[in-house]
Amino acid sequence: RTCQSQSHKFKGACFSDTNCASVCRTENFPRGQCNQHHVERKCYCERDC
């Protein structure tokens, strides 16, 4: 199962999964990706749980 948490450090709209994943790694998550959140794309960090 995968758990997602919105990144606390990522600023602004998320257009690059690569950038999102890099920020997530600084938050101790192994990966991250952009997901639509209402009208804005946000960076969500993921880990196995």
PDB file of N, CA and C in Angstrom:
ATOM      1  N   ARG A   1       0.844  -1.191   0.000  1.00  0.00           N
ATOM      2  CA  ARG A   1       0.000   0.000   0.000  1.00  0.00           C
ATOM      3  C   ARG A   1       0.883   1.245   0.000  1.00  0.00           C
ATOM      4  N   THR A   2       0.450   2.261  -0.699  1.00  0.00           N
ATOM      5  CA  THR A   2       1.199   3.518  -0.779  1.00  0.00           C
ATOM      6  C   THR A   2       0.480   4.603   0.010  1.00  0.00           C
ATOM      7  N   CYS A   3       1.232   5.299   0.846  1.00  0.00           N
ATOM      8  CA  CYS A   3       0.688   6.444   1.579  1.00  0.00           C
ATOM      9  C   CYS A   3       1.204   7.730   0.950  1.00  0.00           C
ATOM     10  N   GLN A   4       0.328   8.716   0.830  1.00  0.00           N
ATOM     11  CA  GLN A   4       0.691  10.013   0.259  1.00  0.00           C
ATOM     12  C   GLN A   4       0.552  11.101   1.307  1.00  0.00           C
ATOM     13  N   SER A   5       1.452  12.061   1.214  1.00  0.00           N
ATOM     14  CA  SER A   5       1.405  13.230   2.088  1.00  0.00           C
ATOM     15  C   SER A   5       1.801  14.439   1.257  1.00  0.00           C
ATOM     16  N   GLN A   6       1.035  15.506   1.349  1.00  0.00           N
ATOM     17  CA  GLN A   6       1.391  16.702   0.589  1.00  0.00           C
ATOM     18  C   GLN A   6       2.708  17.257   1.106  1.00  0.00           C
ATOM     19  N   SER A   7       3.588  17.614   0.182  1.00  0.00           N
ATOM     20  CA  SER A   7       4.895  18.160   0.551  1.00  0.00           C
ATOM     21  C   SER A   7       4.735  19.456   1.337  1.00  0.00           C
ATOM     22  N   HIS A   8       5.537  19.601   2.390  1.00  0.00           N
ATOM     23  CA  HIS A   8       5.519  20.834   3.184  1.00  0.00           C
ATOM     24  C   HIS A   8       6.501  21.863   2.639  1.00  0.00           C
ATOM     25  N   LYS A   9       7.501  21.403   1.902  1.00  0.00           N
ATOM     26  CA  LYS A   9       8.553  22.308   1.430  1.00  0.00           C
ATOM     27  C   LYS A   9       8.343  22.792   0.004  1.00  0.00           C
ATOM     28  N   PHE A  10       7.566  22.049  -0.799  1.00  0.00           N
ATOM     29  CA  PHE A  10       7.378  22.419  -2.199  1.00  0.00           C
ATOM     30  C   PHE A  10       6.514  23.675  -2.283  1.00  0.00           C
ATOM     31  N   LYS A  11       6.973  24.655  -3.054  1.00  0.00           N
ATOM     32  CA  LYS A  11       6.247  25.927  -3.171  1.00  0.00           C
ATOM     33  C   LYS A  11       5.635  26.058  -4.567  1.00  0.00           C
ATOM     34  N   GLY A  12       4.415  26.567  -4.617  1.00  0.00           N
ATOM     35  CA  GLY A  12       3.775  26.851  -5.900  1.00  0.00           C
ATOM     36  C   GLY A  12       3.153  25.627  -6.545  1.00  0.00           C
ATOM     37  N   ALA A  13       2.696  25.812  -7.781  1.00  0.00           N
ATOM     38  CA  ALA A  13       2.069  24.726  -8.533  1.00  0.00           C
ATOM     39  C   ALA A  13       3.127  23.717  -8.954  1.00  0.00           C
ATOM     40  N   CYS A  14       2.722  22.471  -9.036  1.00  0.00           N
ATOM     41  CA  CYS A  14       3.645  21.380  -9.356  1.00  0.00           C
ATOM     42  C   CYS A  14       3.478  20.977 -10.820  1.00  0.00           C
ATOM     43  N   PHE A  15       4.535  21.147 -11.607  1.00  0.00           N
ATOM     44  CA  PHE A  15       4.497  20.756 -13.016  1.00  0.00           C
ATOM     45  C   PHE A  15       5.544  19.708 -13.351  1.00  0.00           C
ATOM     46  N   SER A  16       6.493  19.485 -12.449  1.00  0.00           N
ATOM     47  CA  SER A  16       7.584  18.545 -12.715  1.00  0.00           C
ATOM     48  C   SER A  16       7.636  17.471 -11.633  1.00  0.00           C
ATOM     49  N   ASP A  17       7.341  16.223 -12.025  1.00  0.00           N
ATOM     50  CA  ASP A  17       7.446  15.118 -11.074  1.00  0.00           C
ATOM     51  C   ASP A  17       8.872  14.982 -10.552  1.00  0.00           C
ATOM     52  N   THR A  18       9.850  15.292 -11.402  1.00  0.00           N
ATOM     53  CA  THR A  18      11.255  15.176 -11.005  1.00  0.00           C
ATOM     54  C   THR A  18      11.576  16.149  -9.875  1.00  0.00           C
ATOM     55  N   ASN A  19      11.142  17.406 -10.024  1.00  0.00           N
ATOM     56  CA  ASN A  19      11.369  18.399  -8.963  1.00  0.00           C
ATOM     57  C   ASN A  19      10.639  18.005  -7.684  1.00  0.00           C
ATOM     58  N   CYS A  20       9.412  17.550  -7.839  1.00  0.00           N
ATOM     59  CA  CYS A  20       8.615  17.129  -6.687  1.00  0.00           C
ATOM     60  C   CYS A  20       9.326  15.995  -5.947  1.00  0.00           C
ATOM     61  N   ALA A  21       9.798  14.996  -6.684  1.00  0.00           N
ATOM     62  CA  ALA A  21      10.482  13.858  -6.066  1.00  0.00           C
ATOM     63  C   ALA A  21      11.743  14.306  -5.334  1.00  0.00           C
ATOM     64  N   SER A  22      12.468  15.265  -5.909  1.00  0.00           N
ATOM     65  CA  SER A  22      13.692  15.771  -5.272  1.00  0.00           C
ATOM     66  C   SER A  22      13.372  16.436  -3.938  1.00  0.00           C
ATOM     67  N   VAL A  23      12.316  17.240  -3.913  1.00  0.00           N
ATOM     68  CA  VAL A  23      11.907  17.900  -2.669  1.00  0.00           C
ATOM     69  C   VAL A  23      11.450  16.852  -1.656  1.00  0.00           C
ATOM     70  N   CYS A  24      10.707  15.863  -2.115  1.00  0.00           N
ATOM     71  CA  CYS A  24      10.223  14.817  -1.202  1.00  0.00           C
ATOM     72  C   CYS A  24      11.378  14.057  -0.558  1.00  0.00           C
ATOM     73  N   ARG A  25      12.444  13.831  -1.316  1.00  0.00           N
ATOM     74  CA  ARG A  25      13.600  13.130  -0.739  1.00  0.00           C
ATOM     75  C   ARG A  25      14.210  13.932   0.415  1.00  0.00           C
ATOM     76  N   THR A  26      14.122  15.269   0.356  1.00  0.00           N
ATOM     77  CA  THR A  26      14.631  16.081   1.467  1.00  0.00           C
ATOM     78  C   THR A  26      13.703  15.986   2.683  1.00  0.00           C
ATOM     79  N   GLU A  27      12.478  15.487   2.465  1.00  0.00           N
ATOM     80  CA  GLU A  27      11.511  15.302   3.553  1.00  0.00           C
ATOM     81  C   GLU A  27      11.453  13.833   3.994  1.00  0.00           C
ATOM     82  N   ASN A  28      12.470  13.067   3.611  1.00  0.00           N
ATOM     83  CA  ASN A  28      12.576  11.654   3.992  1.00  0.00           C
ATOM     84  C   ASN A  28      11.500  10.758   3.380  1.00  0.00           C
ATOM     85  N   PHE A  29      11.046  11.113   2.180  1.00  0.00           N
ATOM     86  CA  PHE A  29      10.170  10.244   1.413  1.00  0.00           C
ATOM     87  C   PHE A  29      10.961   9.728   0.213  1.00  0.00           C
ATOM     88  N   PRO A  30      10.767   8.471  -0.182  1.00  0.00           N
ATOM     89  CA  PRO A  30      11.548   7.930  -1.301  1.00  0.00           C
ATOM     90  C   PRO A  30      11.128   8.460  -2.671  1.00  0.00           C
ATOM     91  N   ARG A  31       9.899   8.951  -2.792  1.00  0.00           N
ATOM     92  CA  ARG A  31       9.426   9.404  -4.109  1.00  0.00           C
ATOM     93  C   ARG A  31       8.296  10.427  -3.949  1.00  0.00           C
ATOM     94  N   GLY A  32       7.956  11.059  -5.069  1.00  0.00           N
ATOM     95  CA  GLY A  32       6.880  12.042  -5.066  1.00  0.00           C
ATOM     96  C   GLY A  32       6.425  12.325  -6.473  1.00  0.00           C
ATOM     97  N   GLN A  33       5.209  12.855  -6.605  1.00  0.00           N
ATOM     98  CA  GLN A  33       4.684  13.200  -7.920  1.00  0.00           C
ATOM     99  C   GLN A  33       3.627  14.286  -7.796  1.00  0.00           C
ATOM    100  N   CYS A  34       3.377  14.964  -8.924  1.00  0.00           N
ATOM    101  CA  CYS A  34       2.358  16.011  -8.968  1.00  0.00           C
ATOM    102  C   CYS A  34       0.980  15.373  -9.106  1.00  0.00           C
ATOM    103  N   ASN A  35       0.032  15.873  -8.346  1.00  0.00           N
ATOM    104  CA  ASN A  35      -1.354  15.425  -8.447  1.00  0.00           C
ATOM    105  C   ASN A  35      -2.273  16.638  -8.441  1.00  0.00           C
ATOM    106  N   GLN A  36      -3.382  16.513  -9.160  1.00  0.00           N
ATOM    107  CA  GLN A  36      -4.381  17.580  -9.187  1.00  0.00           C
ATOM    108  C   GLN A  36      -5.066  17.669  -7.829  1.00  0.00           C
ATOM    109  N   HIS A  37      -5.131  18.869  -7.287  1.00  0.00           N
ATOM    110  CA  HIS A  37      -5.817  19.109  -6.014  1.00  0.00           C
ATOM    111  C   HIS A  37      -6.744  20.294  -6.236  1.00  0.00           C
ATOM    112  N   HIS A  38      -8.034  20.018  -6.411  1.00  0.00           N
ATOM    113  CA  HIS A  38      -9.019  21.034  -6.790  1.00  0.00           C
ATOM    114  C   HIS A  38      -8.552  21.708  -8.088  1.00  0.00           C
ATOM    115  N   VAL A  39      -8.220  22.994  -8.065  1.00  0.00           N
ATOM    116  CA  VAL A  39      -7.826  23.681  -9.307  1.00  0.00           C
ATOM    117  C   VAL A  39      -6.318  23.728  -9.487  1.00  0.00           C
ATOM    118  N   GLU A  40      -5.559  23.319  -8.477  1.00  0.00           N
ATOM    119  CA  GLU A  40      -4.105  23.472  -8.501  1.00  0.00           C
ATOM    120  C   GLU A  40      -3.424  22.109  -8.487  1.00  0.00           C
ATOM    121  N   ARG A  41      -2.255  22.035  -9.130  1.00  0.00           N
ATOM    122  CA  ARG A  41      -1.447  20.818  -9.048  1.00  0.00           C
ATOM    123  C   ARG A  41      -0.478  20.961  -7.879  1.00  0.00           C
ATOM    124  N   LYS A  42      -0.486  19.969  -7.009  1.00  0.00           N
ATOM    125  CA  LYS A  42       0.343  19.988  -5.801  1.00  0.00           C
ATOM    126  C   LYS A  42       1.341  18.840  -5.845  1.00  0.00           C
ATOM    127  N   CYS A  43       2.411  19.005  -5.084  1.00  0.00           N
ATOM    128  CA  CYS A  43       3.427  17.962  -4.954  1.00  0.00           C
ATOM    129  C   CYS A  43       3.056  17.054  -3.784  1.00  0.00           C
ATOM    130  N   TYR A  44       2.895  15.771  -4.077  1.00  0.00           N
ATOM    131  CA  TYR A  44       2.596  14.785  -3.045  1.00  0.00           C
ATOM    132  C   TYR A  44       3.745  13.805  -2.917  1.00  0.00           C
ATOM    133  N   CYS A  45       4.197  13.608  -1.690  1.00  0.00           N
ATOM    134  CA  CYS A  45       5.260  12.653  -1.406  1.00  0.00           C
ATOM    135  C   CYS A  45       4.628  11.295  -1.108  1.00  0.00           C
ATOM    136  N   GLU A  46       5.343  10.235  -1.479  1.00  0.00           N
ATOM    137  CA  GLU A  46       4.815   8.879  -1.310  1.00  0.00           C
ATOM    138  C   GLU A  46       5.825   7.989  -0.607  1.00  0.00           C
ATOM    139  N   ARG A  47       5.282   7.050   0.165  1.00  0.00           N
ATOM    140  CA  ARG A  47       6.108   5.990   0.759  1.00  0.00           C
ATOM    141  C   ARG A  47       5.229   4.757   0.947  1.00  0.00           C
ATOM    142  N   ASP A  48       5.861   3.614   1.033  1.00  0.00           N
ATOM    143  CA  ASP A  48       5.123   2.389   1.323  1.00  0.00           C
ATOM    144  C   ASP A  48       4.741   2.399   2.794  1.00  0.00           C
ATOM    145  N   CYS A  49       3.540   1.930   3.089  1.00  0.00           N
ATOM    146  CA  CYS A  49       3.098   1.936   4.485  1.00  0.00           C
ATOM    147  C   CYS A  49       2.371   0.636   4.833  1.00  0.00           C
TER     148      CYS A  49
END
